Amino acid sequence: MVGSLPENVVAAAMRPIAEFDVPQVLRANIQRQSEKLMGLAIALLDSGMDESQVRSIVDHACASYRDELTATILALREQNEN
């Protein structure tokens, strides 16, 4: 990866989300979440936390968001089918 450490941490955590077939209406939401995760990673690294701890925390936060995003996508698809 070519970015800064926080960028790489967030990119790795968000990779599974990038593989989703995400409706256009949710893309801005994903961008905002990515920016929030970037802020979190930077703050944690600035506080002196080591990289593995930061990766773990960002991965956990992203997994929680991924679950919510999946539920939202499924609800939108169901709504569009009806």
N, C-alpha and C. Protein backbone atom coordinates (compact mmCIF):
# COMPACT_ATOMS: atom_id res chain seq x y z
N MET A 1 0.85 -1.18 0.00
CA MET A 1 0.00 0.00 0.00
C MET A 1 0.88 1.23 0.00
N VAL A 2 0.39 2.30 -0.56
CA VAL A 2 1.19 3.49 -0.74
C VAL A 2 0.83 4.64 0.18
N GLY A 3 -0.28 4.55 0.89
CA GLY A 3 -0.73 5.65 1.72
C GLY A 3 -0.02 5.70 3.05
N SER A 4 -0.47 6.63 3.88
CA SER A 4 0.04 6.73 5.24
C SER A 4 -0.47 5.54 6.05
N LEU A 5 0.08 5.34 7.23
CA LEU A 5 -0.36 4.23 8.07
C LEU A 5 -1.86 4.30 8.35
N PRO A 6 -2.41 5.46 8.77
CA PRO A 6 -3.87 5.50 9.00
C PRO A 6 -4.66 5.18 7.73
N GLU A 7 -4.22 5.66 6.59
CA GLU A 7 -4.91 5.37 5.33
C GLU A 7 -4.89 3.88 5.04
N ASN A 8 -3.76 3.25 5.27
CA ASN A 8 -3.63 1.82 5.01
C ASN A 8 -4.50 0.99 5.96
N VAL A 9 -4.56 1.40 7.24
CA VAL A 9 -5.38 0.70 8.22
C VAL A 9 -6.85 0.77 7.82
N VAL A 10 -7.30 1.98 7.46
CA VAL A 10 -8.70 2.16 7.08
C VAL A 10 -9.01 1.45 5.77
N ALA A 11 -8.11 1.53 4.80
CA ALA A 11 -8.33 0.86 3.52
C ALA A 11 -8.47 -0.65 3.71
N ALA A 12 -7.64 -1.22 4.56
CA ALA A 12 -7.72 -2.66 4.81
C ALA A 12 -9.05 -3.02 5.49
N ALA A 13 -9.48 -2.20 6.43
CA ALA A 13 -10.73 -2.47 7.14
C ALA A 13 -11.94 -2.30 6.22
N MET A 14 -11.88 -1.33 5.31
CA MET A 14 -13.01 -1.04 4.43
C MET A 14 -13.04 -1.92 3.18
N ARG A 15 -11.98 -2.67 2.92
CA ARG A 15 -11.90 -3.49 1.70
C ARG A 15 -13.13 -4.38 1.51
N PRO A 16 -13.60 -5.11 2.53
CA PRO A 16 -14.79 -5.95 2.31
C PRO A 16 -16.03 -5.13 1.91
N ILE A 17 -16.14 -3.91 2.40
CA ILE A 17 -17.27 -3.06 2.03
C ILE A 17 -17.16 -2.64 0.57
N ALA A 18 -15.95 -2.41 0.11
CA ALA A 18 -15.75 -2.01 -1.29
C ALA A 18 -16.19 -3.11 -2.25
N GLU A 19 -16.24 -4.34 -1.77
CA GLU A 19 -16.65 -5.47 -2.61
C GLU A 19 -18.16 -5.60 -2.70
N PHE A 20 -18.91 -4.88 -1.86
CA PHE A 20 -20.38 -4.92 -1.90
C PHE A 20 -20.88 -4.25 -3.17
N ASP A 21 -22.04 -4.68 -3.62
CA ASP A 21 -22.76 -3.98 -4.68
C ASP A 21 -23.63 -2.95 -3.96
N VAL A 22 -23.06 -1.78 -3.73
CA VAL A 22 -23.69 -0.77 -2.89
C VAL A 22 -24.55 0.17 -3.74
N PRO A 23 -25.81 0.34 -3.35
CA PRO A 23 -26.66 1.30 -4.06
C PRO A 23 -26.05 2.71 -3.99
N GLN A 24 -26.24 3.46 -5.05
CA GLN A 24 -25.67 4.81 -5.14
C GLN A 24 -26.06 5.68 -3.94
N VAL A 25 -27.27 5.51 -3.46
CA VAL A 25 -27.77 6.32 -2.35
C VAL A 25 -26.92 6.16 -1.09
N LEU A 26 -26.19 5.06 -0.96
CA LEU A 26 -25.39 4.81 0.24
C LEU A 26 -23.91 5.18 0.09
N ARG A 27 -23.49 5.53 -1.10
CA ARG A 27 -22.06 5.79 -1.32
C ARG A 27 -21.52 6.96 -0.50
N ALA A 28 -22.30 8.02 -0.36
CA ALA A 28 -21.86 9.16 0.46
C ALA A 28 -21.73 8.75 1.92
N ASN A 29 -22.63 7.89 2.37
CA ASN A 29 -22.58 7.39 3.74
C ASN A 29 -21.29 6.60 3.97
N ILE A 30 -20.92 5.79 3.00
CA ILE A 30 -19.70 4.99 3.10
C ILE A 30 -18.49 5.90 3.15
N GLN A 31 -18.49 6.95 2.34
CA GLN A 31 -17.37 7.90 2.35
C GLN A 31 -17.25 8.58 3.71
N ARG A 32 -18.39 8.99 4.29
CA ARG A 32 -18.36 9.63 5.63
C ARG A 32 -17.82 8.65 6.67
N GLN A 33 -18.24 7.39 6.60
CA GLN A 33 -17.77 6.39 7.55
C GLN A 33 -16.27 6.19 7.41
N SER A 34 -15.79 6.17 6.19
CA SER A 34 -14.37 6.01 5.95
C SER A 34 -13.59 7.18 6.55
N GLU A 35 -14.13 8.38 6.41
CA GLU A 35 -13.47 9.57 6.99
C GLU A 35 -13.47 9.50 8.51
N LYS A 36 -14.55 9.01 9.10
CA LYS A 36 -14.61 8.86 10.56
C LYS A 36 -13.59 7.83 11.03
N LEU A 37 -13.48 6.73 10.30
CA LEU A 37 -12.49 5.71 10.66
C LEU A 37 -11.07 6.25 10.53
N MET A 38 -10.84 7.09 9.53
CA MET A 38 -9.53 7.70 9.35
C MET A 38 -9.20 8.58 10.56
N GLY A 39 -10.17 9.37 10.99
CA GLY A 39 -9.97 10.22 12.17
C GLY A 39 -9.68 9.39 13.41
N LEU A 40 -10.41 8.29 13.55
CA LEU A 40 -10.18 7.39 14.68
C LEU A 40 -8.78 6.81 14.64
N ALA A 41 -8.36 6.33 13.48
CA ALA A 41 -7.02 5.73 13.35
C ALA A 41 -5.94 6.75 13.67
N ILE A 42 -6.08 7.96 13.16
CA ILE A 42 -5.09 9.01 13.42
C ILE A 42 -5.04 9.34 14.91
N ALA A 43 -6.21 9.50 15.53
CA ALA A 43 -6.25 9.83 16.96
C ALA A 43 -5.62 8.73 17.80
N LEU A 44 -5.91 7.48 17.46
CA LEU A 44 -5.35 6.38 18.23
C LEU A 44 -3.84 6.30 18.07
N LEU A 45 -3.35 6.48 16.86
CA LEU A 45 -1.90 6.46 16.63
C LEU A 45 -1.23 7.64 17.33
N ASP A 46 -1.87 8.81 17.27
CA ASP A 46 -1.32 10.00 17.94
C ASP A 46 -1.29 9.85 19.45
N SER A 47 -2.19 9.01 19.99
CA SER A 47 -2.22 8.80 21.44
C SER A 47 -1.12 7.85 21.90
N GLY A 48 -0.41 7.26 20.92
CA GLY A 48 0.68 6.37 21.27
C GLY A 48 0.35 4.89 21.16
N MET A 49 -0.85 4.58 20.73
CA MET A 49 -1.24 3.19 20.58
C MET A 49 -0.44 2.57 19.44
N ASP A 50 -0.10 1.29 19.59
CA ASP A 50 0.68 0.66 18.54
C ASP A 50 -0.22 0.23 17.37
N GLU A 51 0.42 -0.06 16.26
CA GLU A 51 -0.31 -0.35 15.02
C GLU A 51 -1.27 -1.52 15.15
N SER A 52 -0.86 -2.58 15.82
CA SER A 52 -1.74 -3.75 15.92
C SER A 52 -3.00 -3.43 16.72
N GLN A 53 -2.87 -2.63 17.77
CA GLN A 53 -4.04 -2.23 18.54
C GLN A 53 -4.97 -1.36 17.69
N VAL A 54 -4.39 -0.43 16.94
CA VAL A 54 -5.18 0.45 16.10
C VAL A 54 -5.92 -0.36 15.04
N ARG A 55 -5.21 -1.30 14.41
CA ARG A 55 -5.84 -2.15 13.40
C ARG A 55 -7.02 -2.93 13.99
N SER A 56 -6.83 -3.45 15.18
CA SER A 56 -7.88 -4.22 15.83
C SER A 56 -9.11 -3.36 16.11
N ILE A 57 -8.91 -2.18 16.63
CA ILE A 57 -10.02 -1.27 16.96
C ILE A 57 -10.74 -0.83 15.69
N VAL A 58 -9.99 -0.44 14.67
CA VAL A 58 -10.59 0.01 13.41
C VAL A 58 -11.31 -1.16 12.73
N ASP A 59 -10.72 -2.34 12.76
CA ASP A 59 -11.39 -3.52 12.18
C ASP A 59 -12.72 -3.80 12.88
N HIS A 60 -12.72 -3.70 14.20
CA HIS A 60 -13.94 -3.95 14.97
C HIS A 60 -15.01 -2.90 14.63
N ALA A 61 -14.62 -1.64 14.58
CA ALA A 61 -15.57 -0.57 14.23
C ALA A 61 -16.11 -0.77 12.83
N CYS A 62 -15.26 -1.17 11.92
CA CYS A 62 -15.67 -1.37 10.54
C CYS A 62 -16.59 -2.58 10.41
N ALA A 63 -16.32 -3.63 11.15
CA ALA A 63 -17.18 -4.82 11.11
C ALA A 63 -18.59 -4.48 11.58
N SER A 64 -18.69 -3.67 12.60
CA SER A 64 -19.99 -3.25 13.10
C SER A 64 -20.72 -2.44 12.03
N TYR A 65 -20.02 -1.52 11.40
CA TYR A 65 -20.61 -0.71 10.33
C TYR A 65 -21.01 -1.60 9.15
N ARG A 66 -20.17 -2.57 8.81
CA ARG A 66 -20.45 -3.48 7.70
C ARG A 66 -21.75 -4.24 7.94
N ASP A 67 -21.98 -4.67 9.18
CA ASP A 67 -23.23 -5.36 9.52
C ASP A 67 -24.44 -4.45 9.31
N GLU A 68 -24.33 -3.20 9.76
CA GLU A 68 -25.42 -2.24 9.58
C GLU A 68 -25.64 -1.95 8.10
N LEU A 69 -24.56 -1.80 7.35
CA LEU A 69 -24.66 -1.52 5.93
C LEU A 69 -25.33 -2.68 5.20
N THR A 70 -24.96 -3.88 5.53
CA THR A 70 -25.56 -5.06 4.91
C THR A 70 -27.06 -5.08 5.16
N ALA A 71 -27.47 -4.84 6.38
CA ALA A 71 -28.90 -4.81 6.71
C ALA A 71 -29.62 -3.72 5.92
N THR A 72 -29.01 -2.57 5.78
CA THR A 72 -29.61 -1.46 5.04
C THR A 72 -29.74 -1.81 3.56
N ILE A 73 -28.70 -2.39 2.99
CA ILE A 73 -28.74 -2.78 1.57
C ILE A 73 -29.85 -3.80 1.34
N LEU A 74 -29.95 -4.79 2.20
CA LEU A 74 -30.99 -5.81 2.06
C LEU A 74 -32.39 -5.20 2.18
N ALA A 75 -32.56 -4.26 3.10
CA ALA A 75 -33.85 -3.60 3.27
C ALA A 75 -34.19 -2.77 2.03
N LEU A 76 -33.21 -2.07 1.48
CA LEU A 76 -33.45 -1.28 0.27
C LEU A 76 -33.83 -2.16 -0.90
N ARG A 77 -33.14 -3.27 -1.05
CA ARG A 77 -33.45 -4.19 -2.15
C ARG A 77 -34.85 -4.77 -2.00
N GLU A 78 -35.21 -5.13 -0.77
CA GLU A 78 -36.54 -5.68 -0.54
C GLU A 78 -37.59 -4.63 -0.85
N GLN A 79 -37.34 -3.40 -0.44
CA GLN A 79 -38.26 -2.30 -0.71
C GLN A 79 -38.42 -2.07 -2.21
N ASN A 80 -37.32 -2.16 -2.94
CA ASN A 80 -37.37 -1.96 -4.40
C ASN A 80 -38.07 -3.09 -5.11
N GLU A 81 -38.04 -4.28 -4.53
CA GLU A 81 -38.70 -5.44 -5.13
C GLU A 81 -40.21 -5.40 -4.94
N ASN A 82 -40.66 -4.69 -3.91
CA ASN A 82 -42.10 -4.61 -3.63
C ASN A 82 -42.74 -3.42 -4.25
